[in-house]
Amino acid sequence: MSTKTYDAIVVGSGITGGWAAKELCEKGLETLVLEAGRPITPEKDYVEHVPAWKNVFAA
């Protein structure tokens, strides 16, 4: 089994974790991102931009 060494490990790929990983990578650091959440489907999970008449979840 081979091992891999990272300069930084980011736990959680939410808005700040994703941004932190981006910044670290841009600085040249070998970065690992760990995420335990479920996969996101933008058209199902981000409905704020959808007009209410199209949003089946709207009250």
PDB file of N, CA and C in Angstrom:
ATOM      1  N   MET A   1       0.842  -1.186   0.000  1.00  0.00           N
ATOM      2  CA  MET A   1       0.000   0.000   0.000  1.00  0.00           C
ATOM      3  C   MET A   1       0.885   1.247   0.000  1.00  0.00           C
ATOM      4  N   SER A   2       0.598   2.162  -0.883  1.00  0.00           N
ATOM      5  CA  SER A   2       1.380   3.394  -0.933  1.00  0.00           C
ATOM      6  C   SER A   2       0.737   4.454  -0.042  1.00  0.00           C
ATOM      7  N   THR A   3       1.544   5.361   0.415  1.00  0.00           N
ATOM      8  CA  THR A   3       1.035   6.460   1.238  1.00  0.00           C
ATOM      9  C   THR A   3       1.215   7.767   0.484  1.00  0.00           C
ATOM     10  N   LYS A   4       0.358   8.701   0.793  1.00  0.00           N
ATOM     11  CA  LYS A   4       0.396  10.027   0.159  1.00  0.00           C
ATOM     12  C   LYS A   4       0.536  11.046   1.276  1.00  0.00           C
ATOM     13  N   THR A   5       1.347  12.039   1.067  1.00  0.00           N
ATOM     14  CA  THR A   5       1.552  13.106   2.040  1.00  0.00           C
ATOM     15  C   THR A   5       0.917  14.384   1.517  1.00  0.00           C
ATOM     16  N   TYR A   6       0.209  15.079   2.393  1.00  0.00           N
ATOM     17  CA  TYR A   6      -0.448  16.340   2.036  1.00  0.00           C
ATOM     18  C   TYR A   6       0.108  17.464   2.890  1.00  0.00           C
ATOM     19  N   ASP A   7       0.120  18.655   2.321  1.00  0.00           N
ATOM     20  CA  ASP A   7       0.515  19.839   3.073  1.00  0.00           C
ATOM     21  C   ASP A   7      -0.632  20.336   3.939  1.00  0.00           C
ATOM     22  N   ALA A   8      -1.862  20.126   3.467  1.00  0.00           N
ATOM     23  CA  ALA A   8      -3.041  20.619   4.188  1.00  0.00           C
ATOM     24  C   ALA A   8      -4.195  19.653   3.977  1.00  0.00           C
ATOM     25  N   ILE A   9      -5.028  19.511   5.006  1.00  0.00           N
ATOM     26  CA  ILE A   9      -6.252  18.719   4.922  1.00  0.00           C
ATOM     27  C   ILE A   9      -7.398  19.620   5.342  1.00  0.00           C
ATOM     28  N   VAL A  10      -8.389  19.742   4.477  1.00  0.00           N
ATOM     29  CA  VAL A  10      -9.573  20.553   4.762  1.00  0.00           C
ATOM     30  C   VAL A  10     -10.716  19.590   5.055  1.00  0.00           C
ATOM     31  N   VAL A  11     -11.329  19.738   6.223  1.00  0.00           N
ATOM     32  CA  VAL A  11     -12.455  18.892   6.608  1.00  0.00           C
ATOM     33  C   VAL A  11     -13.735  19.659   6.342  1.00  0.00           C
ATOM     34  N   GLY A  12     -14.508  19.179   5.382  1.00  0.00           N
ATOM     35  CA  GLY A  12     -15.757  19.831   5.003  1.00  0.00           C
ATOM     36  C   GLY A  12     -15.565  20.701   3.777  1.00  0.00           C
ATOM     37  N   SER A  13     -16.406  20.473   2.773  1.00  0.00           N
ATOM     38  CA  SER A  13     -16.271  21.239   1.532  1.00  0.00           C
ATOM     39  C   SER A  13     -17.425  22.209   1.337  1.00  0.00           C
ATOM     40  N   GLY A  14     -17.934  22.734   2.440  1.00  0.00           N
ATOM     41  CA  GLY A  14     -18.946  23.783   2.343  1.00  0.00           C
ATOM     42  C   GLY A  14     -18.324  25.053   1.789  1.00  0.00           C
ATOM     43  N   ILE A  15     -19.030  26.150   1.913  1.00  0.00           N
ATOM     44  CA  ILE A  15     -18.558  27.400   1.309  1.00  0.00           C
ATOM     45  C   ILE A  15     -17.172  27.801   1.817  1.00  0.00           C
ATOM     46  N   THR A  16     -16.925  27.700   3.108  1.00  0.00           N
ATOM     47  CA  THR A  16     -15.604  28.103   3.613  1.00  0.00           C
ATOM     48  C   THR A  16     -14.554  27.028   3.393  1.00  0.00           C
ATOM     49  N   GLY A  17     -14.941  25.764   3.499  1.00  0.00           N
ATOM     50  CA  GLY A  17     -13.984  24.692   3.233  1.00  0.00           C
ATOM     51  C   GLY A  17     -13.540  24.684   1.784  1.00  0.00           C
ATOM     52  N   GLY A  18     -14.492  24.890   0.891  1.00  0.00           N
ATOM     53  CA  GLY A  18     -14.168  24.954  -0.531  1.00  0.00           C
ATOM     54  C   GLY A  18     -13.254  26.118  -0.846  1.00  0.00           C
ATOM     55  N   TRP A  19     -13.551  27.254  -0.225  1.00  0.00           N
ATOM     56  CA  TRP A  19     -12.718  28.444  -0.451  1.00  0.00           C
ATOM     57  C   TRP A  19     -11.319  28.237   0.127  1.00  0.00           C
ATOM     58  N   ALA A  20     -11.247  27.648   1.314  1.00  0.00           N
ATOM     59  CA  ALA A  20      -9.942  27.385   1.921  1.00  0.00           C
ATOM     60  C   ALA A  20      -9.117  26.455   1.030  1.00  0.00           C
ATOM     61  N   ALA A  21      -9.752  25.408   0.506  1.00  0.00           N
ATOM     62  CA  ALA A  21      -9.046  24.474  -0.371  1.00  0.00           C
ATOM     63  C   ALA A  21      -8.551  25.177  -1.632  1.00  0.00           C
ATOM     64  N   LYS A  22      -9.387  26.038  -2.205  1.00  0.00           N
ATOM     65  CA  LYS A  22      -9.002  26.810  -3.397  1.00  0.00           C
ATOM     66  C   LYS A  22      -7.767  27.655  -3.111  1.00  0.00           C
ATOM     67  N   GLU A  23      -7.800  28.383  -2.001  1.00  0.00           N
ATOM     68  CA  GLU A  23      -6.675  29.254  -1.643  1.00  0.00           C
ATOM     69  C   GLU A  23      -5.399  28.443  -1.417  1.00  0.00           C
ATOM     70  N   LEU A  24      -5.520  27.328  -0.716  1.00  0.00           N
ATOM     71  CA  LEU A  24      -4.350  26.489  -0.443  1.00  0.00           C
ATOM     72  C   LEU A  24      -3.758  25.938  -1.741  1.00  0.00           C
ATOM     73  N   CYS A  25      -4.621  25.460  -2.631  1.00  0.00           N
ATOM     74  CA  CYS A  25      -4.149  24.931  -3.920  1.00  0.00           C
ATOM     75  C   CYS A  25      -3.475  26.013  -4.750  1.00  0.00           C
ATOM     76  N   GLU A  26      -4.062  27.209  -4.754  1.00  0.00           N
ATOM     77  CA  GLU A  26      -3.466  28.311  -5.519  1.00  0.00           C
ATOM     78  C   GLU A  26      -2.098  28.704  -4.984  1.00  0.00           C
ATOM     79  N   LYS A  27      -1.856  28.442  -3.703  1.00  0.00           N
ATOM     80  CA  LYS A  27      -0.553  28.739  -3.103  1.00  0.00           C
ATOM     81  C   LYS A  27       0.432  27.597  -3.342  1.00  0.00           C
ATOM     82  N   GLY A  28      -0.029  26.535  -4.011  1.00  0.00           N
ATOM     83  CA  GLY A  28       0.853  25.432  -4.344  1.00  0.00           C
ATOM     84  C   GLY A  28       0.896  24.307  -3.333  1.00  0.00           C
ATOM     85  N   LEU A  29       0.027  24.326  -2.339  1.00  0.00           N
ATOM     86  CA  LEU A  29       0.016  23.266  -1.342  1.00  0.00           C
ATOM     87  C   LEU A  29      -0.753  22.057  -1.857  1.00  0.00           C
ATOM     88  N   GLU A  30      -0.225  20.881  -1.570  1.00  0.00           N
ATOM     89  CA  GLU A  30      -0.914  19.625  -1.890  1.00  0.00           C
ATOM     90  C   GLU A  30      -2.035  19.480  -0.862  1.00  0.00           C
ATOM     91  N   THR A  31      -3.287  19.547  -1.321  1.00  0.00           N
ATOM     92  CA  THR A  31      -4.437  19.678  -0.428  1.00  0.00           C
ATOM     93  C   THR A  31      -5.409  18.523  -0.607  1.00  0.00           C
ATOM     94  N   LEU A  32      -5.870  17.984   0.516  1.00  0.00           N
ATOM     95  CA  LEU A  32      -6.886  16.937   0.532  1.00  0.00           C
ATOM     96  C   LEU A  32      -8.146  17.521   1.147  1.00  0.00           C
ATOM     97  N   VAL A  33      -9.294  17.294   0.506  1.00  0.00           N
ATOM     98  CA  VAL A  33     -10.580  17.746   1.041  1.00  0.00           C
ATOM     99  C   VAL A  33     -11.385  16.514   1.422  1.00  0.00           C
ATOM    100  N   LEU A  34     -11.848  16.467   2.673  1.00  0.00           N
ATOM    101  CA  LEU A  34     -12.682  15.372   3.159  1.00  0.00           C
ATOM    102  C   LEU A  34     -14.105  15.878   3.330  1.00  0.00           C
ATOM    103  N   GLU A  35     -15.059  15.139   2.793  1.00  0.00           N
ATOM    104  CA  GLU A  35     -16.472  15.539   2.879  1.00  0.00           C
ATOM    105  C   GLU A  35     -17.312  14.309   3.200  1.00  0.00           C
ATOM    106  N   ALA A  36     -18.164  14.421   4.204  1.00  0.00           N
ATOM    107  CA  ALA A  36     -19.017  13.300   4.604  1.00  0.00           C
ATOM    108  C   ALA A  36     -20.460  13.489   4.164  1.00  0.00           C
ATOM    109  N   GLY A  37     -20.778  14.647   3.618  1.00  0.00           N
ATOM    110  CA  GLY A  37     -22.155  14.925   3.216  1.00  0.00           C
ATOM    111  C   GLY A  37     -22.557  14.154   1.974  1.00  0.00           C
ATOM    112  N   ARG A  38     -23.840  14.190   1.702  1.00  0.00           N
ATOM    113  CA  ARG A  38     -24.370  13.499   0.524  1.00  0.00           C
ATOM    114  C   ARG A  38     -24.019  14.280  -0.736  1.00  0.00           C
ATOM    115  N   PRO A  39     -24.031  13.614  -1.879  1.00  0.00           N
ATOM    116  CA  PRO A  39     -23.802  14.320  -3.143  1.00  0.00           C
ATOM    117  C   PRO A  39     -24.900  15.363  -3.385  1.00  0.00           C
ATOM    118  N   ILE A  40     -24.540  16.479  -3.964  1.00  0.00           N
ATOM    119  CA  ILE A  40     -25.475  17.573  -4.230  1.00  0.00           C
ATOM    120  C   ILE A  40     -25.899  17.528  -5.693  1.00  0.00           C
ATOM    121  N   THR A  41     -27.196  17.685  -5.919  1.00  0.00           N
ATOM    122  CA  THR A  41     -27.749  17.821  -7.266  1.00  0.00           C
ATOM    123  C   THR A  41     -28.280  19.242  -7.372  1.00  0.00           C
ATOM    124  N   PRO A  42     -27.586  20.140  -8.062  1.00  0.00           N
ATOM    125  CA  PRO A  42     -27.962  21.557  -8.062  1.00  0.00           C
ATOM    126  C   PRO A  42     -29.420  21.823  -8.409  1.00  0.00           C
ATOM    127  N   GLU A  43     -29.955  21.147  -9.421  1.00  0.00           N
ATOM    128  CA  GLU A  43     -31.336  21.441  -9.816  1.00  0.00           C
ATOM    129  C   GLU A  43     -32.358  20.980  -8.780  1.00  0.00           C
ATOM    130  N   LYS A  44     -31.967  20.106  -7.861  1.00  0.00           N
ATOM    131  CA  LYS A  44     -32.878  19.669  -6.800  1.00  0.00           C
ATOM    132  C   LYS A  44     -32.591  20.374  -5.476  1.00  0.00           C
ATOM    133  N   ASP A  45     -31.318  20.674  -5.214  1.00  0.00           N
ATOM    134  CA  ASP A  45     -30.922  21.191  -3.908  1.00  0.00           C
ATOM    135  C   ASP A  45     -30.859  22.709  -3.822  1.00  0.00           C
ATOM    136  N   TYR A  46     -30.710  23.396  -4.938  1.00  0.00           N
ATOM    137  CA  TYR A  46     -30.624  24.853  -4.932  1.00  0.00           C
ATOM    138  C   TYR A  46     -31.791  25.416  -5.728  1.00  0.00           C
ATOM    139  N   VAL A  47     -32.879  25.681  -5.029  1.00  0.00           N
ATOM    140  CA  VAL A  47     -34.104  26.104  -5.718  1.00  0.00           C
ATOM    141  C   VAL A  47     -34.457  27.566  -5.447  1.00  0.00           C
ATOM    142  N   GLU A  48     -33.589  28.305  -4.746  1.00  0.00           N
ATOM    143  CA  GLU A  48     -33.886  29.699  -4.422  1.00  0.00           C
ATOM    144  C   GLU A  48     -34.045  30.560  -5.666  1.00  0.00           C
ATOM    145  N   HIS A  49     -33.346  30.204  -6.742  1.00  0.00           N
ATOM    146  CA  HIS A  49     -33.379  30.997  -7.975  1.00  0.00           C
ATOM    147  C   HIS A  49     -34.563  30.636  -8.879  1.00  0.00           C
ATOM    148  N   VAL A  50     -35.312  29.602  -8.526  1.00  0.00           N
ATOM    149  CA  VAL A  50     -36.425  29.136  -9.358  1.00  0.00           C
ATOM    150  C   VAL A  50     -37.680  29.944  -9.022  1.00  0.00           C
ATOM    151  N   PRO A  51     -38.420  30.413 -10.021  1.00  0.00           N
ATOM    152  CA  PRO A  51     -39.667  31.125  -9.742  1.00  0.00           C
ATOM    153  C   PRO A  51     -40.611  30.245  -8.914  1.00  0.00           C
ATOM    154  N   ALA A  52     -41.370  30.856  -8.022  1.00  0.00           N
ATOM    155  CA  ALA A  52     -42.242  30.110  -7.109  1.00  0.00           C
ATOM    156  C   ALA A  52     -43.194  29.183  -7.860  1.00  0.00           C
ATOM    157  N   TRP A  53     -43.682  29.594  -9.024  1.00  0.00           N
ATOM    158  CA  TRP A  53     -44.629  28.758  -9.755  1.00  0.00           C
ATOM    159  C   TRP A  53     -43.983  27.497 -10.320  1.00  0.00           C
ATOM    160  N   LYS A  54     -42.639  27.481 -10.388  1.00  0.00           N
ATOM    161  CA  LYS A  54     -41.927  26.289 -10.844  1.00  0.00           C
ATOM    162  C   LYS A  54     -41.422  25.449  -9.675  1.00  0.00           C
ATOM    163  N   ASN A  55     -41.404  26.016  -8.512  1.00  0.00           N
ATOM    164  CA  ASN A  55     -40.828  25.361  -7.346  1.00  0.00           C
ATOM    165  C   ASN A  55     -41.885  24.495  -6.669  1.00  0.00           C
ATOM    166  N   VAL A  56     -41.757  23.194  -6.794  1.00  0.00           N
ATOM    167  CA  VAL A  56     -42.744  22.287  -6.197  1.00  0.00           C
ATOM    168  C   VAL A  56     -42.683  22.305  -4.675  1.00  0.00           C
ATOM    169  N   PHE A  57     -41.598  22.850  -4.108  1.00  0.00           N
ATOM    170  CA  PHE A  57     -41.468  22.911  -2.662  1.00  0.00           C
ATOM    171  C   PHE A  57     -42.002  24.215  -2.079  1.00  0.00           C
ATOM    172  N   ALA A  58     -42.401  25.149  -2.916  1.00  0.00           N
ATOM    173  CA  ALA A  58     -42.909  26.441  -2.429  1.00  0.00           C
ATOM    174  C   ALA A  58     -44.219  26.235  -1.681  1.00  0.00           C
ATOM    175  N   ALA A  59     -44.392  27.012  -0.631  1.00  0.00           N
ATOM    176  CA  ALA A  59     -45.622  26.893   0.171  1.00  0.00           C
ATOM    177  C   ALA A  59     -46.757  27.653  -0.476  1.00  0.00           C
TER     178      ALA A  59
END
